[in-house]
C-alpha atoms as a PDB file:
ATOM      1  CA  MET A   1     -20.016 -13.837 -10.501  1.00  0.00           C
ATOM      2  CA  TYR A   2     -22.126 -14.771 -13.529  1.00  0.00           C
ATOM      3  CA  THR A   3     -20.623 -15.025 -16.961  1.00  0.00           C
ATOM      4  CA  THR A   4     -21.968 -15.456 -20.211  1.00  0.00           C
ATOM      5  CA  PRO A   5     -21.104 -18.569 -22.226  1.00  0.00           C
ATOM      6  CA  PHE A   6     -19.779 -15.979 -24.874  1.00  0.00           C
ATOM      7  CA  GLU A   7     -17.338 -14.622 -22.149  1.00  0.00           C
ATOM      8  CA  ARG A   8     -16.311 -17.955 -21.029  1.00  0.00           C
ATOM      9  CA  ILE A   9     -15.503 -19.373 -24.419  1.00  0.00           C
ATOM     10  CA  LYS A  10     -13.299 -16.185 -24.849  1.00  0.00           C
ATOM     11  CA  THR A  11     -11.461 -17.009 -21.514  1.00  0.00           C
ATOM     12  CA  LEU A  12     -10.955 -20.575 -22.500  1.00  0.00           C
ATOM     13  CA  VAL A  13      -9.435 -19.285 -26.011  1.00  0.00           C
ATOM     14  CA  ASN A  14      -7.279 -16.871 -24.335  1.00  0.00           C
ATOM     15  CA  ASN A  15      -5.883 -19.603 -21.940  1.00  0.00           C
ATOM     16  CA  ILE A  16      -5.366 -22.105 -24.719  1.00  0.00           C
ATOM     17  CA  GLN A  17      -3.547 -19.386 -26.642  1.00  0.00           C
ATOM     18  CA  LYS A  18      -1.256 -18.603 -23.554  1.00  0.00           C
ATOM     19  CA  LEU A  19      -0.395 -22.257 -22.971  1.00  0.00           C
ATOM     20  CA  GLU A  20       0.337 -22.709 -26.853  1.00  0.00           C
ATOM     21  CA  ASP A  21       2.611 -19.329 -26.751  1.00  0.00           C
ATOM     22  CA  LYS A  22       4.502 -21.172 -23.577  1.00  0.00           C
ATOM     23  CA  LEU A  23       4.948 -24.188 -25.840  1.00  0.00           C
ATOM     24  CA  MET A  24       6.227 -22.341 -28.881  1.00  0.00           C
ATOM     25  CA  ASN A  25       8.555 -19.916 -27.504  1.00  0.00           C
ATOM     26  CA  THR A  26       9.890 -21.319 -24.576  1.00  0.00           C
ATOM     27  CA  GLY A  27      13.612 -22.669 -25.776  1.00  0.00           C
ATOM     28  CA  PHE A  28      13.642 -25.496 -23.576  1.00  0.00           C
ATOM     29  CA  LEU A  29      10.828 -27.447 -21.799  1.00  0.00           C
ATOM     30  CA  PRO A  30      11.653 -31.019 -20.058  1.00  0.00           C
ATOM     31  CA  MET A  31       9.078 -33.374 -21.774  1.00  0.00           C
ATOM     32  CA  SER A  32       6.835 -33.858 -18.329  1.00  0.00           C
ATOM     33  CA  GLU A  33       6.457 -29.859 -18.529  1.00  0.00           C
ATOM     34  CA  GLN A  34       5.445 -30.334 -22.211  1.00  0.00           C
ATOM     35  CA  GLN A  35       2.867 -33.005 -21.371  1.00  0.00           C
ATOM     36  CA  LYS A  36       1.410 -31.139 -18.395  1.00  0.00           C
ATOM     37  CA  ILE A  37       0.879 -28.297 -21.013  1.00  0.00           C
ATOM     38  CA  HIS A  38      -0.635 -30.567 -23.476  1.00  0.00           C
ATOM     39  CA  THR A  39      -2.983 -32.040 -20.866  1.00  0.00           C
ATOM     40  CA  GLU A  40      -4.118 -28.853 -19.854  1.00  0.00           C
ATOM     41  CA  ILE A  41      -4.775 -27.623 -23.524  1.00  0.00           C
ATOM     42  CA  LYS A  42      -7.034 -30.718 -23.997  1.00  0.00           C
ATOM     43  CA  LYS A  43      -8.976 -30.334 -20.943  1.00  0.00           C
ATOM     44  CA  LEU A  44      -9.628 -26.636 -21.824  1.00  0.00           C
ATOM     45  CA  LYS A  45     -10.760 -27.558 -25.713  1.00  0.00           C
ATOM     46  CA  GLU A  46     -12.818 -30.296 -24.091  1.00  0.00           C
ATOM     47  CA  GLU A  47     -14.502 -27.930 -21.700  1.00  0.00           C
ATOM     48  CA  MET A  48     -14.961 -25.311 -24.857  1.00  0.00           C
ATOM     49  CA  GLU A  49     -16.844 -28.330 -26.713  1.00  0.00           C
ATOM     50  CA  LYS A  50     -19.271 -29.186 -23.961  1.00  0.00           C
ATOM     51  CA  LEU A  51     -19.933 -25.362 -23.490  1.00  0.00           C
ATOM     52  CA  GLU A  52     -20.782 -24.943 -27.544  1.00  0.00           C
ATOM     53  CA  ARG A  53     -22.816 -28.126 -27.444  1.00  0.00           C
ATOM     54  CA  ARG A  54     -24.941 -27.077 -24.245  1.00  0.00           C
ATOM     55  CA  THR A  55     -25.483 -23.516 -25.799  1.00  0.00           C
ATOM     56  CA  ARG A  56     -26.018 -24.460 -29.499  1.00  0.00           C
ATOM     57  CA  LYS A  57     -29.590 -25.201 -30.708  1.00  0.00           C
END
């Protein structure tokens, strides 16, 4: 299914917010789990930046 860049950005932002909420609202997370979440957030932000650079004129 084809999605527009705008839809993809919205999806990425939602995913980042969910991960950040998980970090903030969980009482206790092991450091390894926290590191995995931070790594995933970083990957999503990088993907979003790449998409923005490709679509900007």
